[in-house]
Protein backbone atom coordinates (compact mmCIF):
# COMPACT_ATOMS: atom_id res chain seq x y z
CA UNK A 1 -22.01 23.57 26.16
CA UNK A 2 -22.63 24.67 22.60
CA UNK A 3 -25.90 26.23 21.67
CA UNK A 4 -28.70 23.90 20.48
CA UNK A 5 -28.84 23.52 16.73
CA UNK A 6 -31.83 23.62 14.46
CA UNK A 7 -32.50 23.35 10.78
CA UNK A 8 -36.12 24.52 11.20
CA UNK A 9 -35.17 28.08 10.29
CA UNK A 10 -32.70 27.86 7.43
CA UNK A 11 -32.16 31.44 6.33
CA UNK A 12 -31.14 32.18 2.77
CA UNK A 13 -29.13 35.31 2.01
CA UNK A 14 -31.30 38.43 2.10
CA UNK A 15 -34.28 36.71 3.72
CA UNK A 16 -35.59 37.72 7.15
CA UNK A 17 -35.05 35.08 9.83
CA UNK A 18 -38.18 34.24 11.82
CA UNK A 19 -38.16 33.20 15.46
CA UNK A 20 -38.54 29.45 15.80
CA UNK A 21 -37.91 26.82 18.44
CA UNK A 22 -34.44 25.25 18.32
CA UNK A 23 -34.11 21.49 18.21
CA UNK A 24 -31.67 18.67 17.37
CA UNK A 25 -29.03 19.56 19.94
CA UNK A 26 -25.49 19.09 18.70
CA UNK A 27 -23.14 16.66 20.43
CA UNK A 28 -21.26 18.48 23.21
CA UNK A 29 -17.71 19.37 22.27
CA UNK A 30 -14.55 20.19 24.15
CA UNK A 31 -13.83 23.85 25.06
CA UNK A 32 -11.94 24.19 21.74
CA UNK A 33 -14.96 22.86 19.92
CA UNK A 34 -13.28 19.64 18.83
CA UNK A 35 -14.42 16.03 19.25
CA UNK A 36 -12.19 14.04 21.54
CA UNK A 37 -9.89 11.24 20.33
CA UNK A 38 -8.71 8.41 22.51
CA UNK A 39 -4.96 8.55 23.09
CA UNK A 40 -3.28 6.13 20.70
CA UNK A 41 0.36 6.89 21.42
CA UNK A 42 0.88 6.26 25.11
CA UNK A 43 3.67 3.80 24.43
CA UNK A 44 5.15 6.12 21.80
CA UNK A 45 5.44 8.91 24.33
CA UNK A 46 6.95 6.72 27.03
CA UNK A 47 9.43 4.68 24.97
CA UNK A 48 12.25 7.07 24.06
CA UNK A 49 14.12 4.31 22.22
CA UNK A 50 11.68 4.67 19.32
CA UNK A 51 11.35 7.72 17.10
CA UNK A 52 8.84 8.36 14.34
CA UNK A 53 9.95 8.51 10.71
CA UNK A 54 7.97 8.73 7.47
CA UNK A 55 8.67 5.01 7.08
CA UNK A 56 7.07 4.22 10.44
CA UNK A 57 8.64 3.84 13.87
CA UNK A 58 12.39 3.15 13.98
CA UNK A 59 15.05 2.66 16.62
CA UNK A 60 16.74 5.95 17.44
CA UNK A 61 20.23 4.56 16.78
CA UNK A 62 19.19 3.23 13.36
CA UNK A 63 18.26 6.59 11.78
CA UNK A 64 21.11 8.39 9.97
CA UNK A 65 21.54 11.51 7.86
CA UNK A 66 23.72 11.22 4.74
CA UNK A 67 25.19 14.14 2.76
CA UNK A 68 23.86 15.45 -0.52
CA UNK A 69 25.12 13.45 -3.48
CA UNK A 70 26.24 10.49 -1.35
CA UNK A 71 25.87 6.88 -2.47
CA UNK A 72 24.93 4.36 0.23
CA UNK A 73 25.74 0.75 -0.59
CA UNK A 74 23.76 -2.18 0.73
CA UNK A 75 26.39 -2.98 3.38
CA UNK A 76 26.24 0.58 4.79
CA UNK A 77 29.35 1.86 2.99
CA UNK A 78 28.84 5.55 2.13
CA UNK A 79 30.68 7.28 -0.71
CA UNK A 80 30.68 11.09 -0.58
CA UNK A 81 30.80 13.18 -3.78
CA UNK A 82 34.39 14.26 -2.99
CA UNK A 83 35.56 10.63 -3.07
CA UNK A 84 35.87 10.18 0.68
CA UNK A 85 33.86 7.49 2.42
CA UNK A 86 32.65 6.23 5.74
CA UNK A 87 30.56 3.36 7.07
CA UNK A 88 27.15 3.33 8.75
CA UNK A 89 27.16 0.47 11.29
CA UNK A 90 24.43 -2.14 10.99
CA UNK A 91 21.35 -1.54 13.07
CA UNK A 92 21.88 -3.63 16.23
CA UNK A 93 18.22 -4.57 16.36
CA UNK A 94 16.66 -7.28 14.24
CA UNK A 95 13.28 -5.69 13.69
CA UNK A 96 11.42 -5.68 17.01
CA UNK A 97 13.97 -6.46 19.70
CA UNK A 98 13.03 -8.94 22.40
CA UNK A 99 9.52 -9.30 21.04
CA UNK A 100 8.65 -5.67 21.67
CA UNK A 101 6.50 -3.84 19.17
CA UNK A 102 6.86 -0.30 17.92
CA UNK A 103 4.61 2.30 19.56
CA UNK A 104 1.12 2.62 18.14
CA UNK A 105 0.56 5.47 15.74
CA UNK A 106 -2.21 6.76 13.50
CA UNK A 107 -0.33 5.66 10.39
CA UNK A 108 -1.33 6.43 6.80
CA UNK A 109 -4.42 8.59 7.11
CA UNK A 110 -4.90 9.11 3.36
CA UNK A 111 -3.16 7.67 0.31
CA UNK A 112 -3.44 6.96 -3.40
CA UNK A 113 -1.61 3.84 -4.59
CA UNK A 114 -1.07 1.73 -7.68
CA UNK A 115 0.26 -1.83 -7.58
CA UNK A 116 -0.32 -3.76 -10.82
CA UNK A 117 2.31 -6.41 -10.06
CA UNK A 118 5.30 -5.21 -12.10
CA UNK A 119 8.38 -3.16 -11.24
CA UNK A 120 8.65 0.59 -11.56
CA UNK A 121 11.82 2.55 -12.28
CA UNK A 122 10.70 6.11 -11.57
CA UNK A 123 8.08 8.33 -9.94
CA UNK A 124 8.00 12.12 -9.73
CA UNK A 125 5.54 14.85 -8.73
CA UNK A 126 5.08 18.53 -8.03
CA UNK A 127 3.18 19.98 -5.09
CA UNK A 128 2.95 23.04 -2.86
CA UNK A 129 3.83 23.22 0.83
CA UNK A 130 0.44 23.56 2.57
CA UNK A 131 -0.63 26.09 5.16
CA UNK A 132 0.71 25.97 8.69
CA UNK A 133 -1.65 23.93 10.91
CA UNK A 134 -3.74 26.17 13.16
CA UNK A 135 -3.35 23.92 16.23
CA UNK A 136 -0.10 24.22 18.20
CA UNK A 137 2.09 21.11 17.90
CA UNK A 138 3.96 19.63 20.84
CA UNK A 139 6.75 17.06 20.57
CA UNK A 140 4.03 14.40 20.36
CA UNK A 141 2.65 15.25 16.90
CA UNK A 142 4.27 14.88 13.48
CA UNK A 143 2.69 15.11 10.03
CA UNK A 144 4.28 13.71 6.84
CA UNK A 145 3.22 13.85 3.20
CA UNK A 146 4.99 12.32 0.21
CA UNK A 147 4.86 10.41 -3.08
CA UNK A 148 7.19 7.43 -3.49
CA UNK A 149 7.82 3.76 -4.21
CA UNK A 150 7.52 0.89 -1.76
CA UNK A 151 8.19 -2.84 -1.47
CA UNK A 152 7.80 -5.29 1.40
CA UNK A 153 10.91 -3.97 3.18
CA UNK A 154 11.58 -0.35 2.23
CA UNK A 155 9.90 2.87 1.15
CA UNK A 156 11.69 5.48 -0.97
CA UNK A 157 10.11 8.89 -0.44
CA UNK A 158 10.66 12.64 -0.89
CA UNK A 159 8.93 14.00 2.21
CA UNK A 160 7.58 17.22 3.64
CA UNK A 161 7.15 17.20 7.40
CA UNK A 162 5.60 19.34 10.13
CA UNK A 163 6.49 18.55 13.73
CA UNK A 164 9.45 16.74 15.26
CA UNK A 165 10.08 13.26 13.84
CA UNK A 166 13.11 11.14 13.07
CA UNK A 167 15.20 13.37 15.29
CA UNK A 168 14.62 16.28 12.90
CA UNK A 169 12.06 18.96 12.31
CA UNK A 170 10.31 21.56 14.41
CA UNK A 171 6.92 22.06 16.02
CA UNK A 172 6.65 25.43 14.23
CA UNK A 173 8.34 24.84 10.86
CA UNK A 174 7.81 22.81 7.68
CA UNK A 175 10.89 20.82 6.63
CA UNK A 176 11.71 18.52 3.72
CA UNK A 177 14.13 15.66 3.15
CA UNK A 178 14.77 12.62 0.94
CA UNK A 179 14.14 9.37 2.88
CA UNK A 180 14.65 5.61 2.56
CA UNK A 181 13.30 3.61 5.48
CA UNK A 182 12.77 -0.02 6.37
CA UNK A 183 10.41 -1.57 8.90
CA UNK A 184 12.48 -0.33 11.82
CA UNK A 185 15.93 -1.84 11.23
CA UNK A 186 17.44 1.12 9.36
CA UNK A 187 16.35 4.48 8.01
CA UNK A 188 18.44 7.10 6.16
CA UNK A 189 17.62 10.62 5.01
CA UNK A 190 19.37 13.44 3.18
CA UNK A 191 20.01 16.99 4.43
CA UNK A 192 16.99 18.70 5.98
CA UNK A 193 15.55 21.77 4.24
CA UNK A 194 13.47 24.44 5.92
CA UNK A 195 10.50 25.13 3.62
CA UNK A 196 7.56 27.51 3.89
CA UNK A 197 3.83 27.43 3.09
CA UNK A 198 3.36 28.18 -0.59
CA UNK A 199 6.80 26.93 -1.67
CA UNK A 200 6.70 24.96 -4.93
CA UNK A 201 8.15 21.47 -4.43
CA UNK A 202 9.42 18.73 -6.73
CA UNK A 203 10.15 15.18 -5.63
CA UNK A 204 11.38 12.10 -7.45
CA UNK A 205 12.59 8.55 -6.98
CA UNK A 206 14.56 7.22 -9.97
CA UNK A 207 16.49 4.03 -10.72
CA UNK A 208 19.64 3.86 -12.85
CA UNK A 209 22.51 1.45 -13.59
CA UNK A 210 20.32 -1.57 -12.91
CA UNK A 211 22.14 -4.91 -13.11
CA UNK A 212 21.66 -8.33 -11.53
CA UNK A 213 18.57 -7.26 -9.63
CA UNK A 214 20.23 -4.18 -8.07
CA UNK A 215 19.67 -0.53 -9.02
CA UNK A 216 21.03 2.83 -7.98
CA UNK A 217 17.96 4.59 -6.56
CA UNK A 218 18.25 8.39 -6.34
CA UNK A 219 15.75 10.07 -4.01
CA UNK A 220 15.37 13.83 -4.50
CA UNK A 221 13.26 16.60 -3.04
CA UNK A 222 13.75 20.14 -4.30
CA UNK A 223 12.28 23.46 -3.19
CA UNK A 224 11.74 25.19 -6.54
CA UNK A 225 11.04 28.48 -4.75
CA UNK A 226 14.33 28.69 -2.83
CA UNK A 227 16.52 26.27 -4.81
CA UNK A 228 17.21 24.06 -1.81
CA UNK A 229 17.67 20.35 -2.48
CA UNK A 230 18.05 17.09 -0.55
CA UNK A 231 19.25 14.20 -2.72
CA UNK A 232 21.24 10.99 -2.36
CA UNK A 233 21.46 7.49 -3.85
CA UNK A 234 20.93 4.04 -2.35
CA UNK A 235 21.94 0.73 -3.91
CA UNK A 236 18.92 -1.50 -3.56
CA UNK A 237 16.82 -4.18 -5.22
CA UNK A 238 15.05 -3.37 -8.46
CA UNK A 239 11.78 -4.83 -7.09
CA UNK A 240 9.60 -1.83 -6.27
CA UNK A 241 6.02 -2.51 -7.36
CA UNK A 242 3.92 -0.35 -5.02
CA UNK A 243 3.64 3.23 -6.31
CA UNK A 244 2.43 5.98 -3.97
CA UNK A 245 0.87 8.91 -5.82
CA UNK A 246 0.57 10.72 -2.50
CA UNK A 247 0.14 9.86 1.16
CA UNK A 248 -0.45 11.59 4.47
CA UNK A 249 1.01 9.89 7.53
CA UNK A 250 0.60 11.13 11.10
CA UNK A 251 2.14 10.03 14.38
CA UNK A 252 0.91 11.17 17.74
CA UNK A 253 -2.42 12.22 19.24
CA UNK A 254 -4.16 14.05 16.38
CA UNK A 255 -7.21 14.80 18.51
CA UNK A 256 -7.96 18.05 16.68
CA UNK A 257 -8.61 18.75 13.01
CA UNK A 258 -6.48 21.83 13.55
CA UNK A 259 -3.37 19.61 13.47
CA UNK A 260 -4.03 19.00 9.76
CA UNK A 261 -3.04 21.78 7.34
CA UNK A 262 -6.17 23.35 5.91
CA UNK A 263 -6.95 22.17 2.39
CA UNK A 264 -4.59 19.20 2.39
CA UNK A 265 -1.99 18.46 -0.30
CA UNK A 266 -2.38 18.11 -4.07
CA UNK A 267 0.23 16.23 -6.12
CA UNK A 268 0.37 17.24 -9.79
CA UNK A 269 2.43 16.35 -12.87
CA UNK A 270 2.76 12.82 -11.52
CA UNK A 271 4.85 10.54 -13.71
CA UNK A 272 5.34 6.82 -13.16
CA UNK A 273 7.58 4.67 -15.35
CA UNK A 274 7.45 0.92 -15.99
CA UNK A 275 10.88 -0.65 -15.45
CA UNK A 276 10.70 -3.28 -18.18
CA UNK A 277 10.04 -0.95 -21.12
CA UNK A 278 10.55 2.62 -19.89
CA UNK A 279 6.97 3.53 -20.79
CA UNK A 280 4.54 5.63 -18.73
CA UNK A 281 2.45 3.44 -16.44
CA UNK A 282 -0.74 5.53 -16.71
CA UNK A 283 -1.76 4.61 -13.16
CA UNK A 284 -5.35 4.28 -12.00
CA UNK A 285 -4.75 5.45 -8.43
CA UNK A 286 -6.63 3.54 -5.72
CA UNK A 287 -7.85 5.85 -2.96
CA UNK A 288 -7.52 4.77 0.65
CA UNK A 289 -8.64 6.48 3.86
CA UNK A 290 -7.91 4.90 7.21
CA UNK A 291 -11.09 3.62 8.84
CA UNK A 292 -12.31 4.70 12.24
CA UNK A 293 -10.66 8.13 12.25
CA UNK A 294 -11.82 10.43 15.01
CA UNK A 295 -12.28 13.31 14.71
CA UNK A 296 -13.52 13.03 11.14
CA UNK A 297 -11.90 15.99 9.42
CA UNK A 298 -13.63 15.62 6.06
CA UNK A 299 -10.92 13.40 4.60
CA UNK A 300 -11.15 12.64 0.90
CA UNK A 301 -8.79 11.31 -1.78
CA UNK A 302 -9.48 12.15 -5.40
CA UNK A 303 -7.62 11.50 -8.64
CA UNK A 304 -9.23 13.18 -11.64
CA UNK A 305 -6.49 11.78 -13.89
CA UNK A 306 -3.31 9.72 -13.69
CA UNK A 307 -1.18 12.84 -13.14
CA UNK A 308 -3.10 14.29 -10.18
CA UNK A 309 -3.77 13.14 -6.62
CA UNK A 310 -5.60 15.33 -4.12
CA UNK A 311 -5.33 14.42 -0.44
CA UNK A 312 -8.07 16.51 1.10
CA UNK A 313 -8.39 17.31 4.80
CA UNK A 314 -9.85 20.76 5.33
CA UNK A 315 -8.83 20.95 8.97
CA UNK A 316 -10.54 23.05 11.62
CA UNK A 317 -10.80 26.79 11.01
CA UNK A 318 -10.26 29.39 13.71
CA UNK A 319 -12.44 32.49 14.06
CA UNK A 320 -10.50 35.46 15.43
CA UNK A 321 -13.15 38.17 15.07
CA UNK A 322 -16.76 38.80 14.02
CA UNK A 323 -18.05 42.21 12.98
CA UNK A 324 -21.20 43.70 11.49
CA UNK A 325 -21.84 46.68 9.25
CA UNK A 326 -23.55 48.74 10.47
CA UNK A 327 -22.37 48.10 14.01
CA UNK A 328 -24.34 47.12 15.88
CA UNK A 329 -26.78 45.47 13.51
CA UNK A 330 -30.39 46.60 13.95
CA UNK A 331 -33.49 44.43 14.22
CA UNK A 332 -35.41 44.09 10.88
CA UNK A 333 -32.62 45.92 9.01
CA UNK A 334 -30.18 44.21 6.60
CA UNK A 335 -26.53 44.07 7.64
CA UNK A 336 -23.21 42.57 6.54
CA UNK A 337 -21.43 39.99 8.68
CA UNK A 338 -17.64 39.57 8.37
CA UNK A 339 -15.67 36.73 9.95
CA UNK A 340 -11.88 36.94 10.10
CA UNK A 341 -9.57 34.10 11.09
CA UNK A 342 -7.48 31.32 9.57
CA UNK A 343 -8.13 27.98 7.93
CA UNK A 344 -11.40 28.77 6.14
CA UNK A 345 -11.94 26.56 3.10
CA UNK A 346 -13.89 28.74 0.65
CA UNK A 347 -15.20 25.66 -1.18
CA UNK A 348 -16.67 23.86 1.83
CA UNK A 349 -16.96 26.31 4.75
CA UNK A 350 -20.18 26.17 6.76
CA UNK A 351 -21.17 29.11 9.00
CA UNK A 352 -23.87 28.52 11.58
CA UNK A 353 -25.47 31.40 13.46
CA UNK A 354 -27.63 30.82 16.54
CA UNK A 355 -29.34 33.10 19.03
CA UNK A 356 -30.40 35.17 20.73
CA UNK A 357 -31.29 32.48 23.28
CA UNK A 358 -31.49 28.69 23.42
CA UNK A 359 -35.30 28.50 23.47
CA UNK A 360 -36.31 30.97 20.78
CA UNK A 361 -33.76 31.59 18.05
CA UNK A 362 -33.13 31.85 14.35
CA UNK A 363 -30.52 29.16 13.65
CA UNK A 364 -29.05 29.78 10.23
CA UNK A 365 -26.63 27.78 8.05
CA UNK A 366 -24.64 29.55 5.36
CA UNK A 367 -22.55 27.85 2.68
CA UNK A 368 -22.62 30.68 0.12
CA UNK A 369 -20.75 33.90 0.74
CA UNK A 370 -20.53 37.38 -0.70
CA UNK A 371 -16.77 36.84 -0.64
CA UNK A 372 -14.61 34.05 0.75
CA UNK A 373 -10.89 33.47 1.33
CA UNK A 374 -8.84 31.32 3.74
CA UNK A 375 -8.76 34.27 6.17
CA UNK A 376 -12.14 35.98 5.69
CA UNK A 377 -15.80 35.11 5.08
CA UNK A 378 -18.40 37.80 4.27
CA UNK A 379 -22.17 37.22 4.33
CA UNK A 380 -24.51 39.97 3.06
CA UNK A 381 -27.26 40.86 3.43
CA UNK A 382 -28.65 39.24 6.57
CA UNK A 383 -31.79 40.37 8.41
CA UNK A 384 -32.92 39.12 11.83
CA UNK A 385 -36.22 39.82 13.55
CA UNK A 386 -35.06 39.21 17.11
CA UNK A 387 -32.73 41.52 19.02
CA UNK A 388 -30.02 40.03 21.21
CA UNK A 389 -26.68 38.23 21.10
CA UNK A 390 -25.95 35.71 18.35
CA UNK A 391 -23.28 33.00 18.34
CA UNK A 392 -21.19 32.13 15.26
CA UNK A 393 -19.72 28.66 14.56
CA UNK A 394 -17.62 27.61 11.56
CA UNK A 395 -16.39 24.32 10.15
CA UNK A 396 -15.05 23.05 6.83
CA UNK A 397 -17.18 20.39 5.17
CA UNK A 398 -18.13 17.69 7.66
CA UNK A 399 -15.05 18.37 9.78
CA UNK A 400 -14.81 19.52 13.37
CA UNK A 401 -16.15 22.88 14.49
CA UNK A 402 -13.20 25.21 14.80
CA UNK A 403 -11.74 27.07 17.75
CA UNK A 404 -13.06 30.53 18.53
CA UNK A 405 -16.56 29.21 17.92
CA UNK A 406 -18.14 31.12 20.79
CA UNK A 407 -17.52 34.46 19.05
CA UNK A 408 -20.67 36.56 19.13
CA UNK A 409 -22.30 39.65 17.64
CA UNK A 410 -25.29 41.78 18.69
CA UNK A 411 -28.52 42.76 16.97
CA UNK A 412 -29.98 45.92 18.58
CA UNK A 413 -33.69 46.52 19.01
CA UNK A 414 -35.04 49.14 16.63
CA UNK A 415 -37.42 50.44 19.29
C-alpha cells in the first residue's frame, strides 16, 4: 500500500522540512499505482466478427482499404488513378445483424465540435504525432485522434492511430490513414502510413464537383516530415454539418493513464469553410469530455481561438531512477534531487516525497522545479531534518500516479 499522505508539512524549495505526523491517507492503488477501471469491452474481446475503427465498431468484412488517388462511388465502384476499376461488394449486414449490438467501447473521450446547422465544404488542420504511450498496448487497446466532418451516417476523417484497429496498425507503432466510416455497414480507408512521434502532420477533408446534392469528398492525411500520404475520394452527399476540430477516441480497456500519450494532441491552423459561400466559418468550438471516465487522467479541451484545439490528457509518467547530489544526501544539509523517466509534463507535474516512516515524516509536494523536461525533473535545494529512506511519487496534474512510484532515496544521519 502506498505511503500515507499529508499536506501538514508542505516544504517549499530551500526550506528545511520538519518532522510532522502524516494524515489523509491516499486511496490504495494497484501495484502500478493506477486506479482500476471496470472492464468495458468484454463483448468486444469475445466477438471476433467486430473490429474497431475510428468511425466506431464495424463488421470485419465491411472494412476495406482503397489505393491512393482512387475514387469510390456510392455503389461501391472503385476507379483507380490508372483508369482500371473494381467493385467493393455491399456490406452483407444491415447495421446490427439479428438485433445484435456492437461491442461496448470507451468512445470519444475528448472532442471539440461545431454544428451551426449549415453545410461545410472543407476542414483542414496541422498537428504533431504525440509521444509513444508509456503503458504497453495489447491487441485490446487502440487510440485514435483526428479532425473531420460528420453527418448522421458517415464520418470523414484523417486519422492517427496507436494500437491495432480496423485490421491495421501495431501495438508498438503510430500509423496514419484517411478514413470514411458509417455506423457499421461499411468503412473504407486509404493506404496506411507508419509515422513517428514528433512527425508534423497535415489532414484535410474537401468537397469538389458538387452537383444535385452529391460531392466528391477527398480525404487526405500527409506526413510533412517524411512526405508520406494517404488520400482518396468518395462520392457522397453534400450534407456534412458537424465539424470536428479534434477528437480522441479509444477502444478497449484503458485502465491506465499510461495508455494515453503524454501531453495529448494539439490541432493548429484549423480552417473550416462554409459550403454555400466559400467563406471561413470562424467556428466557436464546443468542448466535450466524456463523463464518468476512470481513471481521470486530467482530461481537458481548450480552444484559445478558432484555429486551435488542444486535447489535453497528460497521461501517467514513469519514474526510472532517483538520485541525489551529494549521494547520499545528509541530514540538515541541502541537496539536489533528480528524477529521470518518461512522460513528465513540465507544466503540470507534481512530485510528492514521503518518509522516512509512515508515522513521523516530512511529506512534501513540489510543482516548481529547478529544471523540467518530459524525461527529467530536478528539485534543488532540498533539506530534510530526519535521516532515513524517502519515497518519491509523480503524477501529471490531477491524473493517476505513475508507475515506478515506489522509487526511493536515502538521507544519511550527520552524526
